Amino acid sequence: MKPTPMPGNLAGLLEMYLTDALARGRSAGTVSYRRVYLRQFLSWLKSRGVTGPREVTAPVLPRGLA
């Protein structure tokens, strides 16, 4: 079985993370909440011109998150 290639965008990584969380036994409700809040975070990043995973750096994040 070939390993799944890593997505090059944040939305793809988010879905991969959530799929893995379900596979590891997280409840559907927990994954649903995480999807909502992480999509809000991705939207916040996009509004600041951050579209790729390697662009998420400490200087981009507000004080207290980094």
N, C-alpha and C. Protein backbone atom coordinates (compact mmCIF):
# COMPACT_ATOMS: atom_id res chain seq x y z
N MET A 1 0.84 -1.18 0.00
CA MET A 1 0.00 0.00 0.00
C MET A 1 0.89 1.24 0.00
N LYS A 2 0.64 2.15 -0.95
CA LYS A 2 1.42 3.38 -1.04
C LYS A 2 0.94 4.37 0.02
N PRO A 3 1.88 5.09 0.63
CA PRO A 3 1.45 6.12 1.58
C PRO A 3 0.71 7.25 0.87
N THR A 4 -0.22 7.84 1.59
CA THR A 4 -0.98 8.96 1.04
C THR A 4 -0.07 10.18 0.97
N PRO A 5 -0.01 10.84 -0.20
CA PRO A 5 0.83 12.04 -0.29
C PRO A 5 0.28 13.16 0.58
N MET A 6 1.18 13.96 1.12
CA MET A 6 0.78 15.09 1.95
C MET A 6 0.18 16.18 1.08
N PRO A 7 -0.96 16.73 1.45
CA PRO A 7 -1.53 17.85 0.70
C PRO A 7 -0.62 19.07 0.82
N GLY A 8 -0.60 19.88 -0.20
CA GLY A 8 0.23 21.08 -0.18
C GLY A 8 -0.50 22.31 0.30
N ASN A 9 -1.78 22.16 0.64
CA ASN A 9 -2.52 23.33 1.10
C ASN A 9 -3.08 23.10 2.51
N LEU A 10 -3.43 24.18 3.15
CA LEU A 10 -3.91 24.09 4.54
C LEU A 10 -5.24 23.35 4.66
N ALA A 11 -6.15 23.56 3.72
CA ALA A 11 -7.44 22.88 3.79
C ALA A 11 -7.27 21.36 3.67
N GLY A 12 -6.39 20.93 2.80
CA GLY A 12 -6.13 19.50 2.66
C GLY A 12 -5.51 18.91 3.90
N LEU A 13 -4.59 19.64 4.51
CA LEU A 13 -3.98 19.18 5.76
C LEU A 13 -5.01 19.11 6.88
N LEU A 14 -5.92 20.08 6.91
CA LEU A 14 -6.98 20.07 7.92
C LEU A 14 -7.83 18.81 7.79
N GLU A 15 -8.25 18.50 6.57
CA GLU A 15 -9.08 17.31 6.37
C GLU A 15 -8.32 16.03 6.71
N MET A 16 -7.03 16.00 6.39
CA MET A 16 -6.22 14.83 6.73
C MET A 16 -6.14 14.67 8.26
N TYR A 17 -5.95 15.78 8.95
CA TYR A 17 -5.88 15.77 10.41
C TYR A 17 -7.20 15.28 11.02
N LEU A 18 -8.33 15.78 10.49
CA LEU A 18 -9.62 15.41 11.04
C LEU A 18 -9.95 13.94 10.76
N THR A 19 -9.59 13.46 9.59
CA THR A 19 -9.79 12.05 9.26
C THR A 19 -8.98 11.18 10.20
N ASP A 20 -7.75 11.59 10.47
CA ASP A 20 -6.89 10.85 11.39
C ASP A 20 -7.47 10.87 12.81
N ALA A 21 -8.02 12.02 13.22
CA ALA A 21 -8.60 12.12 14.56
C ALA A 21 -9.75 11.12 14.73
N LEU A 22 -10.58 11.00 13.69
CA LEU A 22 -11.67 10.03 13.75
C LEU A 22 -11.13 8.60 13.81
N ALA A 23 -10.11 8.33 13.01
CA ALA A 23 -9.53 6.99 12.98
C ALA A 23 -8.89 6.62 14.32
N ARG A 24 -8.43 7.63 15.06
CA ARG A 24 -7.81 7.39 16.36
C ARG A 24 -8.81 7.36 17.50
N GLY A 25 -10.10 7.45 17.16
CA GLY A 25 -11.12 7.28 18.18
C GLY A 25 -11.72 8.54 18.75
N ARG A 26 -11.39 9.70 18.19
CA ARG A 26 -12.05 10.93 18.66
C ARG A 26 -13.52 10.86 18.28
N SER A 27 -14.37 11.41 19.09
CA SER A 27 -15.80 11.36 18.80
C SER A 27 -16.12 12.26 17.60
N ALA A 28 -17.20 11.92 16.92
CA ALA A 28 -17.64 12.71 15.77
C ALA A 28 -17.93 14.16 16.19
N GLY A 29 -18.47 14.33 17.39
CA GLY A 29 -18.76 15.68 17.89
C GLY A 29 -17.49 16.50 18.08
N THR A 30 -16.47 15.87 18.65
CA THR A 30 -15.20 16.56 18.86
C THR A 30 -14.61 16.98 17.52
N VAL A 31 -14.62 16.07 16.57
CA VAL A 31 -14.06 16.36 15.24
C VAL A 31 -14.87 17.46 14.56
N SER A 32 -16.16 17.45 14.74
CA SER A 32 -17.02 18.48 14.16
C SER A 32 -16.68 19.86 14.72
N TYR A 33 -16.52 19.95 16.02
CA TYR A 33 -16.13 21.22 16.64
C TYR A 33 -14.77 21.68 16.16
N ARG A 34 -13.84 20.76 16.10
CA ARG A 34 -12.50 21.11 15.62
C ARG A 34 -12.55 21.63 14.19
N ARG A 35 -13.38 20.99 13.35
CA ARG A 35 -13.51 21.43 11.96
C ARG A 35 -13.98 22.88 11.91
N VAL A 36 -14.98 23.23 12.70
CA VAL A 36 -15.52 24.59 12.71
C VAL A 36 -14.43 25.59 13.11
N TYR A 37 -13.76 25.34 14.22
CA TYR A 37 -12.80 26.30 14.74
C TYR A 37 -11.53 26.36 13.89
N LEU A 38 -11.11 25.24 13.38
CA LEU A 38 -9.91 25.27 12.54
C LEU A 38 -10.20 25.90 11.18
N ARG A 39 -11.41 25.76 10.66
CA ARG A 39 -11.76 26.47 9.42
C ARG A 39 -11.79 27.97 9.66
N GLN A 40 -12.24 28.40 10.83
CA GLN A 40 -12.19 29.83 11.15
C GLN A 40 -10.75 30.31 11.19
N PHE A 41 -9.87 29.50 11.75
CA PHE A 41 -8.45 29.86 11.80
C PHE A 41 -7.88 29.94 10.38
N LEU A 42 -8.21 28.99 9.52
CA LEU A 42 -7.72 29.02 8.15
C LEU A 42 -8.24 30.25 7.41
N SER A 43 -9.48 30.63 7.69
CA SER A 43 -10.04 31.84 7.09
C SER A 43 -9.28 33.07 7.57
N TRP A 44 -8.96 33.11 8.83
CA TRP A 44 -8.18 34.22 9.40
C TRP A 44 -6.81 34.29 8.73
N LEU A 45 -6.16 33.14 8.56
CA LEU A 45 -4.86 33.10 7.88
C LEU A 45 -4.98 33.62 6.45
N LYS A 46 -6.00 33.14 5.74
CA LYS A 46 -6.19 33.54 4.34
C LYS A 46 -6.39 35.04 4.23
N SER A 47 -7.11 35.64 5.17
CA SER A 47 -7.35 37.09 5.13
C SER A 47 -6.05 37.88 5.31
N ARG A 48 -5.02 37.21 5.80
CA ARG A 48 -3.71 37.84 5.98
C ARG A 48 -2.72 37.40 4.90
N GLY A 49 -3.24 36.72 3.88
CA GLY A 49 -2.40 36.31 2.76
C GLY A 49 -1.61 35.04 2.98
N VAL A 50 -1.90 34.32 4.06
CA VAL A 50 -1.20 33.07 4.36
C VAL A 50 -2.02 31.93 3.76
N THR A 51 -1.44 31.25 2.77
CA THR A 51 -2.17 30.19 2.10
C THR A 51 -1.48 28.83 2.16
N GLY A 52 -0.22 28.81 2.47
CA GLY A 52 0.51 27.55 2.51
C GLY A 52 0.97 27.19 3.91
N PRO A 53 1.16 25.90 4.17
CA PRO A 53 1.55 25.45 5.51
C PRO A 53 2.88 26.05 5.98
N ARG A 54 3.81 26.22 5.09
CA ARG A 54 5.13 26.76 5.48
C ARG A 54 5.09 28.25 5.77
N GLU A 55 3.99 28.90 5.42
CA GLU A 55 3.83 30.32 5.69
C GLU A 55 3.31 30.60 7.10
N VAL A 56 2.85 29.59 7.80
CA VAL A 56 2.34 29.76 9.16
C VAL A 56 3.55 29.75 10.09
N THR A 57 3.99 30.95 10.44
CA THR A 57 5.18 31.12 11.27
C THR A 57 4.83 31.97 12.49
N ALA A 58 5.71 31.98 13.45
CA ALA A 58 5.47 32.75 14.68
C ALA A 58 5.17 34.23 14.39
N PRO A 59 5.90 34.89 13.49
CA PRO A 59 5.59 36.31 13.24
C PRO A 59 4.18 36.55 12.68
N VAL A 60 3.58 35.56 12.05
CA VAL A 60 2.23 35.71 11.48
C VAL A 60 1.17 35.65 12.57
N LEU A 61 1.43 34.88 13.59
CA LEU A 61 0.43 34.64 14.64
C LEU A 61 0.39 35.79 15.64
N PRO A 62 -0.80 36.06 16.18
CA PRO A 62 -0.89 37.11 17.20
C PRO A 62 -0.12 36.73 18.46
N ARG A 63 0.29 37.73 19.17
CA ARG A 63 1.02 37.48 20.43
C ARG A 63 0.19 36.59 21.33
N GLY A 64 0.81 35.59 21.91
CA GLY A 64 0.12 34.68 22.80
C GLY A 64 -0.21 33.36 22.13
N LEU A 65 -0.29 33.33 20.80
CA LEU A 65 -0.54 32.07 20.09
C LEU A 65 0.77 31.40 19.70
N ALA A 66 1.78 32.17 19.46
CA ALA A 66 3.05 31.60 18.99
C ALA A 66 3.87 31.05 20.12
